[in-house]
Amino acid sequence: MKLTRTISAVILTSLFALPISGVAQTYHHRHRRAVESQRAHDHRHHTGAKIVVGSAAGGAVVGGLLGGGKGALIGAGVGAGGGAIANKVRVNKGVKARERRDQ
């Protein structure tokens, strides 16, 4: 009696889980394709490098004006870190937009 109930529960659970797993695989495939497309575009245009280097240069200029040589070095580091974060946000936003477009 208990074995029959357990087997029935396993079969019923697996039947309900089938549609969910299919949706998850479709989303994963769409997400992976969007990430690859975004990465190819960024590599072709050197977008990430431009953002990080531009932010570092801006930080170095501001740091140099405010604190001399040491300030320029600190400003470049802070600018590069901020540029890396901004680039990550931009890439994530681009991937989400590509996922919505591909639906």
C-alpha atoms as a PDB file:
ATOM      1  CA  MET A   1       0.000   0.000   0.000  1.00  0.00           C
ATOM      2  CA  LYS A   2       2.727   2.431   0.995  1.00  0.00           C
ATOM      3  CA  LEU A   3       4.884   1.482  -2.027  1.00  0.00           C
ATOM      4  CA  THR A   4       1.969   2.072  -4.402  1.00  0.00           C
ATOM      5  CA  ARG A   5       1.353   5.499  -2.900  1.00  0.00           C
ATOM      6  CA  THR A   6       5.042   6.412  -3.223  1.00  0.00           C
ATOM      7  CA  ILE A   7       5.213   5.286  -6.842  1.00  0.00           C
ATOM      8  CA  SER A   8       2.036   7.225  -7.641  1.00  0.00           C
ATOM      9  CA  ALA A   9       3.481  10.355  -6.049  1.00  0.00           C
ATOM     10  CA  VAL A  10       6.707  10.045  -8.046  1.00  0.00           C
ATOM     11  CA  ILE A  11       4.844   9.572 -11.336  1.00  0.00           C
ATOM     12  CA  LEU A  12       2.487  12.463 -10.646  1.00  0.00           C
ATOM     13  CA  THR A  13       5.336  14.767  -9.661  1.00  0.00           C
ATOM     14  CA  SER A  14       7.320  13.875 -12.780  1.00  0.00           C
ATOM     15  CA  LEU A  15       4.314  14.591 -15.009  1.00  0.00           C
ATOM     16  CA  PHE A  16       3.878  18.052 -13.484  1.00  0.00           C
ATOM     17  CA  ALA A  17       7.601  18.795 -13.735  1.00  0.00           C
ATOM     18  CA  LEU A  18       7.879  18.072 -17.476  1.00  0.00           C
ATOM     19  CA  PRO A  19       6.428  21.390 -18.746  1.00  0.00           C
ATOM     20  CA  ILE A  20       8.522  23.373 -16.268  1.00  0.00           C
ATOM     21  CA  SER A  21      11.778  21.746 -17.381  1.00  0.00           C
ATOM     22  CA  GLY A  22      10.962  22.452 -21.036  1.00  0.00           C
ATOM     23  CA  VAL A  23      10.410  26.149 -20.301  1.00  0.00           C
ATOM     24  CA  ALA A  24      13.637  26.336 -18.315  1.00  0.00           C
ATOM     25  CA  GLN A  25      15.627  24.800 -21.157  1.00  0.00           C
ATOM     26  CA  THR A  26      14.077  27.202 -23.668  1.00  0.00           C
ATOM     27  CA  TYR A  27      14.940  30.176 -21.463  1.00  0.00           C
ATOM     28  CA  HIS A  28      18.492  28.921 -20.936  1.00  0.00           C
ATOM     29  CA  HIS A  29      18.996  28.480 -24.676  1.00  0.00           C
ATOM     30  CA  ARG A  30      17.618  31.977 -25.407  1.00  0.00           C
ATOM     31  CA  HIS A  31      19.779  33.495 -22.655  1.00  0.00           C
ATOM     32  CA  ARG A  32      22.935  31.761 -23.876  1.00  0.00           C
ATOM     33  CA  ARG A  33      22.288  32.921 -27.444  1.00  0.00           C
ATOM     34  CA  ALA A  34      21.728  36.509 -26.237  1.00  0.00           C
ATOM     35  CA  VAL A  35      24.947  36.450 -24.204  1.00  0.00           C
ATOM     36  CA  GLU A  36      26.942  35.142 -27.183  1.00  0.00           C
ATOM     37  CA  SER A  37      25.450  37.772 -29.477  1.00  0.00           C
ATOM     38  CA  GLN A  38      26.189  40.591 -27.015  1.00  0.00           C
ATOM     39  CA  ARG A  39      29.736  39.334 -26.471  1.00  0.00           C
ATOM     40  CA  ALA A  40      30.407  39.129 -30.223  1.00  0.00           C
ATOM     41  CA  HIS A  41      29.147  42.677 -30.740  1.00  0.00           C
ATOM     42  CA  ASP A  42      31.238  44.037 -27.863  1.00  0.00           C
ATOM     43  CA  HIS A  43      34.392  42.249 -29.003  1.00  0.00           C
ATOM     44  CA  ARG A  44      33.943  43.480 -32.553  1.00  0.00           C
ATOM     45  CA  HIS A  45      33.675  47.121 -31.389  1.00  0.00           C
ATOM     46  CA  HIS A  46      35.991  46.887 -28.324  1.00  0.00           C
ATOM     47  CA  THR A  47      33.181  48.431 -26.293  1.00  0.00           C
ATOM     48  CA  GLY A  48      34.227  47.166 -22.859  1.00  0.00           C
ATOM     49  CA  ALA A  49      37.807  48.310 -23.303  1.00  0.00           C
ATOM     50  CA  LYS A  50      36.678  51.746 -24.455  1.00  0.00           C
ATOM     51  CA  ILE A  51      34.458  52.195 -21.408  1.00  0.00           C
ATOM     52  CA  VAL A  52      37.040  51.045 -18.860  1.00  0.00           C
ATOM     53  CA  VAL A  53      39.951  52.963 -20.419  1.00  0.00           C
ATOM     54  CA  GLY A  54      37.864  56.099 -20.867  1.00  0.00           C
ATOM     55  CA  SER A  55      36.733  55.988 -17.260  1.00  0.00           C
ATOM     56  CA  ALA A  56      40.299  55.418 -16.067  1.00  0.00           C
ATOM     57  CA  ALA A  57      41.542  58.378 -18.134  1.00  0.00           C
ATOM     58  CA  GLY A  58      38.793  60.607 -16.770  1.00  0.00           C
ATOM     59  CA  GLY A  59      39.565  59.508 -13.223  1.00  0.00           C
ATOM     60  CA  ALA A  60      43.265  60.172 -13.770  1.00  0.00           C
ATOM     61  CA  VAL A  61      42.569  63.690 -15.031  1.00  0.00           C
ATOM     62  CA  VAL A  62      40.316  64.555 -12.120  1.00  0.00           C
ATOM     63  CA  GLY A  63      42.663  62.904  -9.622  1.00  0.00           C
ATOM     64  CA  GLY A  64      45.643  64.726 -11.127  1.00  0.00           C
ATOM     65  CA  LEU A  65      43.908  68.080 -10.850  1.00  0.00           C
ATOM     66  CA  LEU A  66      42.934  67.474  -7.254  1.00  0.00           C
ATOM     67  CA  GLY A  67      45.926  65.592  -5.886  1.00  0.00           C
ATOM     68  CA  GLY A  68      48.870  65.672  -8.267  1.00  0.00           C
ATOM     69  CA  GLY A  69      50.639  62.507  -9.400  1.00  0.00           C
ATOM     70  CA  LYS A  70      49.452  60.327  -6.549  1.00  0.00           C
ATOM     71  CA  GLY A  71      45.900  61.599  -7.036  1.00  0.00           C
ATOM     72  CA  ALA A  72      46.099  60.765 -10.732  1.00  0.00           C
ATOM     73  CA  LEU A  73      47.099  57.191  -9.918  1.00  0.00           C
ATOM     74  CA  ILE A  74      44.294  56.796  -7.386  1.00  0.00           C
ATOM     75  CA  GLY A  75      41.810  58.467  -9.742  1.00  0.00           C
ATOM     76  CA  ALA A  76      42.782  56.129 -12.579  1.00  0.00           C
ATOM     77  CA  GLY A  77      42.170  53.104 -10.366  1.00  0.00           C
ATOM     78  CA  VAL A  78      38.835  54.386  -9.142  1.00  0.00           C
ATOM     79  CA  GLY A  79      37.817  55.353 -12.674  1.00  0.00           C
ATOM     80  CA  ALA A  80      38.747  51.937 -14.061  1.00  0.00           C
ATOM     81  CA  GLY A  81      36.781  50.200 -11.303  1.00  0.00           C
ATOM     82  CA  GLY A  82      33.761  52.386 -11.949  1.00  0.00           C
ATOM     83  CA  GLY A  83      34.069  51.773 -15.682  1.00  0.00           C
ATOM     84  CA  ALA A  84      34.188  48.014 -15.145  1.00  0.00           C
ATOM     85  CA  ILE A  85      31.008  48.168 -13.069  1.00  0.00           C
ATOM     86  CA  ALA A  86      29.299  50.405 -15.627  1.00  0.00           C
ATOM     87  CA  ASN A  87      30.318  48.018 -18.406  1.00  0.00           C
ATOM     88  CA  LYS A  88      28.896  45.029 -16.522  1.00  0.00           C
ATOM     89  CA  VAL A  89      25.584  46.839 -16.039  1.00  0.00           C
ATOM     90  CA  ARG A  90      25.533  47.795 -19.734  1.00  0.00           C
ATOM     91  CA  VAL A  91      26.214  44.203 -20.838  1.00  0.00           C
ATOM     92  CA  ASN A  92      23.470  42.826 -18.568  1.00  0.00           C
ATOM     93  CA  LYS A  93      21.019  45.397 -19.916  1.00  0.00           C
ATOM     94  CA  GLY A  94      21.973  44.505 -23.490  1.00  0.00           C
ATOM     95  CA  VAL A  95      21.505  40.785 -22.843  1.00  0.00           C
ATOM     96  CA  LYS A  96      18.051  41.382 -21.344  1.00  0.00           C
ATOM     97  CA  ALA A  97      17.083  43.505 -24.357  1.00  0.00           C
ATOM     98  CA  ARG A  98      18.264  40.793 -26.762  1.00  0.00           C
ATOM     99  CA  GLU A  99      16.277  38.173 -24.816  1.00  0.00           C
ATOM    100  CA  ARG A 100      13.102  40.258 -25.084  1.00  0.00           C
ATOM    101  CA  ARG A 101      13.703  40.871 -28.791  1.00  0.00           C
ATOM    102  CA  ASP A 102      14.182  37.143 -29.500  1.00  0.00           C
ATOM    103  CA  GLN A 103      10.981  35.978 -27.817  1.00  0.00           C
END
